[in-house]
């Protein structure tokens, strides 16, 4: 709203006064950022809003930097780079109310046990007359807030790159989207990050990426990764072909063509 306001009039003067107060009195500067759901073919239309703190430099420098970003998109390639270690924050896949055998993997009781066998036989001594926190109990499983650290960035992809899945060892021109699309997601049409390891939560759930809080010294964190091959075969079945052109060259002219 600040950028689109006219540079003359009382409104602009009050905004400039507010910025001057920030420089004079504030000790922490944060910006409000939001996602762009319209870029993705999701049912969700409401943007996710997050408050992000600006660090480094004097307060005046932070305010100037924040003003330079107002109402401007921030791409993922401007924040993260390849071979970098980052942290991911999100909510895991929910499974509802579950029992102890499913939730904690406790051993099942013998078959003839009274009132069920997927239970914990003894939940504690007579005294102290309370159940300790360490005793497995039934309850909510999944849909928990989790932070996973040290995820290495293997590739930073850009929008419209038809060679985003090509490597120095595999020169085939192919995008990152596998044949038939990703399961329950579809096509990748925007910028993307390829991370090593898993990411919490189901598809389409929003996650937060942040810079690592550690100073990395291990070889696994500092090494440069050179990808040799990215598989783009279909994930819906026994994928044989990497691209649609390769499939047509092998199958020949089909009836539907």
Protein backbone atom coordinates (compact mmCIF):
# COMPACT_ATOMS: atom_id res chain seq x y z
CA UNK A 1 0.00 0.00 0.00
CA UNK A 2 2.96 2.33 0.59
CA UNK A 3 4.32 2.10 -2.94
CA UNK A 4 0.98 2.67 -4.66
CA UNK A 5 0.20 5.78 -2.57
CA UNK A 6 0.72 9.11 -4.30
CA UNK A 7 3.94 10.89 -3.38
CA UNK A 8 2.10 14.08 -2.42
CA UNK A 9 -0.56 14.91 0.14
CA UNK A 10 -1.20 14.30 3.81
CA UNK A 11 -1.30 10.52 3.42
CA UNK A 12 2.27 10.35 2.16
CA UNK A 13 3.47 12.71 4.88
CA UNK A 14 1.95 10.53 7.62
CA UNK A 15 3.59 7.45 6.12
CA UNK A 16 6.96 9.17 6.03
CA UNK A 17 6.43 10.21 9.66
CA UNK A 18 5.73 6.60 10.61
CA UNK A 19 8.96 5.46 8.95
CA UNK A 20 10.85 8.20 10.78
CA UNK A 21 9.40 6.95 14.09
CA UNK A 22 10.52 3.41 13.23
CA UNK A 23 14.08 4.60 12.65
CA UNK A 24 14.09 6.59 15.88
CA UNK A 25 12.32 4.28 18.34
CA UNK A 26 12.14 0.69 17.02
CA UNK A 27 14.64 -1.99 17.94
CA UNK A 28 13.27 -4.77 15.70
CA UNK A 29 12.02 -4.43 12.12
CA UNK A 30 9.75 -7.06 10.57
CA UNK A 31 7.94 -7.26 7.25
CA UNK A 32 4.62 -8.93 6.43
CA UNK A 33 4.94 -11.39 3.56
CA UNK A 34 2.25 -13.46 1.87
CA UNK A 35 2.10 -16.34 -0.56
CA UNK A 36 0.56 -16.20 -4.05
CA UNK A 37 -2.04 -18.97 -4.31
CA UNK A 38 -3.10 -17.79 -7.77
CA UNK A 39 0.17 -19.14 -9.19
CA UNK A 40 -0.82 -22.70 -8.28
CA UNK A 41 -3.84 -24.70 -9.34
CA UNK A 42 -5.08 -25.26 -5.82
CA UNK A 43 -8.55 -24.89 -4.33
CA UNK A 44 -7.09 -22.50 -1.80
CA UNK A 45 -7.51 -18.84 -2.72
CA UNK A 46 -6.58 -17.26 0.61
CA UNK A 47 -2.92 -16.29 0.96
CA UNK A 48 -0.79 -17.39 3.91
CA UNK A 49 0.68 -14.44 5.79
CA UNK A 50 3.95 -14.54 7.73
CA UNK A 51 5.93 -11.98 9.68
CA UNK A 52 9.66 -12.11 8.87
CA UNK A 53 12.32 -10.28 10.84
CA UNK A 54 15.09 -8.34 9.11
CA UNK A 55 18.54 -8.78 10.68
CA UNK A 56 21.90 -7.08 10.17
CA UNK A 57 22.91 -3.43 10.08
CA UNK A 58 21.45 -0.37 11.73
CA UNK A 59 17.73 0.29 12.14
CA UNK A 60 17.80 2.90 9.36
CA UNK A 61 19.38 0.38 7.00
CA UNK A 62 16.73 -2.21 7.90
CA UNK A 63 13.89 0.24 7.22
CA UNK A 64 15.42 1.25 3.90
CA UNK A 65 15.84 -2.40 2.91
CA UNK A 66 12.26 -3.22 3.94
CA UNK A 67 10.91 -0.28 1.92
CA UNK A 68 12.78 -1.49 -1.15
CA UNK A 69 10.90 -4.82 -0.95
CA UNK A 70 7.37 -3.46 -0.45
CA UNK A 71 4.82 -4.94 -2.88
CA UNK A 72 7.51 -6.78 -4.81
CA UNK A 73 7.66 -10.57 -5.34
CA UNK A 74 10.57 -12.44 -3.76
CA UNK A 75 11.72 -15.50 -5.66
CA UNK A 76 13.13 -18.58 -3.98
CA UNK A 77 16.32 -18.28 -6.05
CA UNK A 78 16.97 -14.91 -4.41
CA UNK A 79 17.10 -16.53 -0.97
CA UNK A 80 18.64 -19.99 -1.38
CA UNK A 81 21.37 -21.44 -3.55
CA UNK A 82 22.55 -24.90 -4.56
CA UNK A 83 24.59 -26.97 -2.08
CA UNK A 84 23.24 -24.88 0.80
CA UNK A 85 21.97 -26.41 4.05
CA UNK A 86 18.53 -25.14 5.06
CA UNK A 87 15.85 -25.96 7.66
CA UNK A 88 12.20 -26.76 6.95
CA UNK A 89 9.28 -26.13 9.29
CA UNK A 90 5.80 -27.54 8.84
CA UNK A 91 2.98 -29.76 10.08
CA UNK A 92 3.15 -33.54 9.61
CA UNK A 93 0.50 -35.70 7.99
CA UNK A 94 -2.41 -36.25 10.36
CA UNK A 95 -3.74 -39.71 11.32
CA UNK A 96 -6.31 -38.82 13.96
CA UNK A 97 -6.78 -40.57 17.34
CA UNK A 98 -4.73 -43.79 17.44
CA UNK A 99 -4.04 -46.50 20.01
CA UNK A 100 -0.74 -47.33 21.68
CA UNK A 101 0.20 -50.19 19.34
CA UNK A 102 -0.07 -47.97 16.25
CA UNK A 103 1.16 -44.81 17.94
CA UNK A 104 4.16 -46.14 19.89
CA UNK A 105 4.77 -49.61 18.45
CA UNK A 106 4.29 -51.40 21.77
CA UNK A 107 4.11 -55.18 21.81
CA UNK A 108 0.67 -56.73 21.54
CA UNK A 109 -0.55 -58.75 24.53
CA UNK A 110 -1.41 -62.49 24.27
CA UNK A 111 -4.50 -63.51 22.36
CA UNK A 112 -6.61 -64.43 25.44
CA UNK A 113 -6.09 -61.07 27.16
CA UNK A 114 -9.25 -59.66 28.77
CA UNK A 115 -10.68 -56.44 27.28
CA UNK A 116 -8.36 -56.21 24.32
CA UNK A 117 -4.76 -56.94 23.48
CA UNK A 118 -3.59 -53.76 21.69
CA UNK A 119 -2.90 -52.16 25.05
CA UNK A 120 -0.18 -51.48 27.62
CA UNK A 121 -0.52 -53.99 30.47
CA UNK A 122 0.91 -51.87 33.29
CA UNK A 123 0.84 -48.08 33.09
CA UNK A 124 2.76 -47.51 36.33
CA UNK A 125 3.21 -48.35 40.02
CA UNK A 126 0.73 -47.65 42.82
CA UNK A 127 2.87 -44.75 43.97
CA UNK A 128 3.54 -42.18 42.72
CA UNK A 129 -0.20 -42.24 42.09
CA UNK A 130 -0.05 -40.70 38.65
CA UNK A 131 0.78 -41.84 35.14
CA UNK A 132 4.26 -40.77 34.06
CA UNK A 133 4.72 -38.87 30.83
CA UNK A 134 7.01 -41.64 29.54
CA UNK A 135 4.25 -44.28 29.52
CA UNK A 136 2.80 -44.91 26.03
CA UNK A 137 -0.85 -43.88 25.79
CA UNK A 138 -3.47 -43.58 23.08
CA UNK A 139 -4.06 -40.14 21.57
CA UNK A 140 -3.52 -37.87 18.61
CA UNK A 141 -1.04 -39.18 16.06
CA UNK A 142 0.29 -36.89 13.37
CA UNK A 143 -0.62 -33.29 12.54
CA UNK A 144 2.29 -32.17 14.71
CA UNK A 145 4.45 -29.10 14.19
CA UNK A 146 7.98 -30.21 13.33
CA UNK A 147 11.31 -28.62 12.37
CA UNK A 148 13.83 -30.63 10.36
CA UNK A 149 17.34 -29.23 10.06
CA UNK A 150 20.20 -29.61 7.59
CA UNK A 151 18.42 -30.27 4.31
CA UNK A 152 20.82 -29.88 1.40
CA UNK A 153 19.59 -27.99 -1.66
CA UNK A 154 20.32 -30.14 -4.71
CA UNK A 155 18.82 -27.85 -7.34
CA UNK A 156 17.19 -24.43 -7.65
CA UNK A 157 14.80 -24.46 -10.61
CA UNK A 158 13.39 -21.48 -12.48
CA UNK A 159 10.00 -20.98 -14.10
CA UNK A 160 9.75 -22.03 -17.74
CA UNK A 161 13.05 -23.94 -17.84
CA UNK A 162 12.53 -26.92 -20.15
CA UNK A 163 15.92 -28.34 -19.16
CA UNK A 164 15.40 -28.22 -15.39
CA UNK A 165 15.95 -31.99 -15.09
CA UNK A 166 19.00 -32.13 -17.36
CA UNK A 167 22.47 -32.72 -15.97
CA UNK A 168 26.02 -32.68 -17.27
CA UNK A 169 25.85 -36.48 -17.62
CA UNK A 170 22.29 -36.61 -18.99
CA UNK A 171 21.86 -33.98 -21.70
CA UNK A 172 18.24 -34.87 -22.51
CA UNK A 173 16.00 -31.81 -22.66
CA UNK A 174 13.35 -32.57 -20.05
CA UNK A 175 11.54 -30.55 -17.36
CA UNK A 176 11.46 -31.56 -13.71
CA UNK A 177 7.84 -32.78 -13.87
CA UNK A 178 7.72 -36.57 -14.42
CA UNK A 179 5.50 -38.05 -17.10
CA UNK A 180 1.90 -37.97 -15.92
CA UNK A 181 2.71 -35.33 -13.29
CA UNK A 182 3.47 -35.63 -9.60
CA UNK A 183 1.05 -37.70 -7.53
CA UNK A 184 -1.94 -35.61 -6.44
CA UNK A 185 -0.19 -32.40 -7.43
CA UNK A 186 0.30 -32.05 -11.18
CA UNK A 187 2.78 -29.98 -13.13
CA UNK A 188 5.61 -27.81 -11.80
CA UNK A 189 5.13 -24.45 -13.52
CA UNK A 190 6.92 -22.13 -11.08
CA UNK A 191 10.31 -21.89 -9.38
CA UNK A 192 11.19 -24.92 -7.26
CA UNK A 193 13.74 -26.33 -4.84
CA UNK A 194 15.02 -29.91 -4.89
CA UNK A 195 16.00 -31.01 -1.38
CA UNK A 196 17.74 -34.10 -0.10
CA UNK A 197 15.52 -36.20 2.15
CA UNK A 198 11.86 -36.05 3.07
CA UNK A 199 9.56 -33.12 3.78
CA UNK A 200 6.86 -33.28 6.43
CA UNK A 201 3.17 -33.21 5.60
CA UNK A 202 1.07 -34.21 2.57
CA UNK A 203 1.22 -32.66 -0.88
CA UNK A 204 0.13 -29.04 -1.23
CA UNK A 205 0.64 -28.28 2.47
CA UNK A 206 2.53 -25.06 3.06
CA UNK A 207 5.97 -25.32 4.66
CA UNK A 208 8.43 -22.70 5.89
CA UNK A 209 12.02 -22.60 4.67
CA UNK A 210 14.71 -20.82 6.64
CA UNK A 211 18.45 -20.34 6.58
CA UNK A 212 20.42 -22.74 8.75
CA UNK A 213 21.19 -21.45 12.24
CA UNK A 214 24.45 -23.41 12.47
CA UNK A 215 27.94 -22.80 11.19
CA UNK A 216 28.59 -25.92 9.12
CA UNK A 217 32.01 -27.55 9.20
CA UNK A 218 31.31 -31.16 8.20
CA UNK A 219 32.35 -32.40 4.80
CA UNK A 220 28.82 -33.57 3.99
CA UNK A 221 27.53 -30.03 4.50
CA UNK A 222 30.30 -28.27 2.58
CA UNK A 223 30.71 -30.62 -0.38
CA UNK A 224 29.54 -29.59 -3.84
CA UNK A 225 26.94 -31.92 -5.33
CA UNK A 226 27.02 -32.77 -9.02
CA UNK A 227 23.80 -34.55 -10.01
CA UNK A 228 24.23 -37.23 -12.64
CA UNK A 229 20.65 -38.25 -13.36
CA UNK A 230 17.13 -37.08 -12.46
CA UNK A 231 14.41 -39.66 -13.06
CA UNK A 232 11.36 -38.22 -14.86
CA UNK A 233 9.64 -41.53 -15.62
CA UNK A 234 5.99 -41.88 -14.67
CA UNK A 235 5.37 -42.33 -10.93
CA UNK A 236 1.88 -43.77 -11.44
CA UNK A 237 3.06 -47.14 -12.71
CA UNK A 238 6.16 -48.92 -13.96
CA UNK A 239 7.55 -45.94 -15.85
CA UNK A 240 9.82 -46.89 -18.76
CA UNK A 241 10.29 -43.61 -20.58
CA UNK A 242 11.88 -40.36 -19.47
CA UNK A 243 10.13 -38.07 -21.97
CA UNK A 244 7.04 -38.12 -24.16
CA UNK A 245 9.21 -37.99 -27.29
CA UNK A 246 11.10 -41.10 -26.15
CA UNK A 247 7.82 -42.94 -25.63
CA UNK A 248 6.48 -41.99 -29.07
CA UNK A 249 9.75 -43.02 -30.73
CA UNK A 250 9.52 -46.47 -29.13
CA UNK A 251 5.76 -47.09 -29.38
CA UNK A 252 5.29 -45.67 -32.85
CA UNK A 253 1.96 -44.32 -34.15
CA UNK A 254 -0.89 -45.25 -31.81
CA UNK A 255 -4.59 -45.51 -32.59
CA UNK A 256 -5.40 -42.42 -30.52
CA UNK A 257 -2.88 -40.41 -32.57
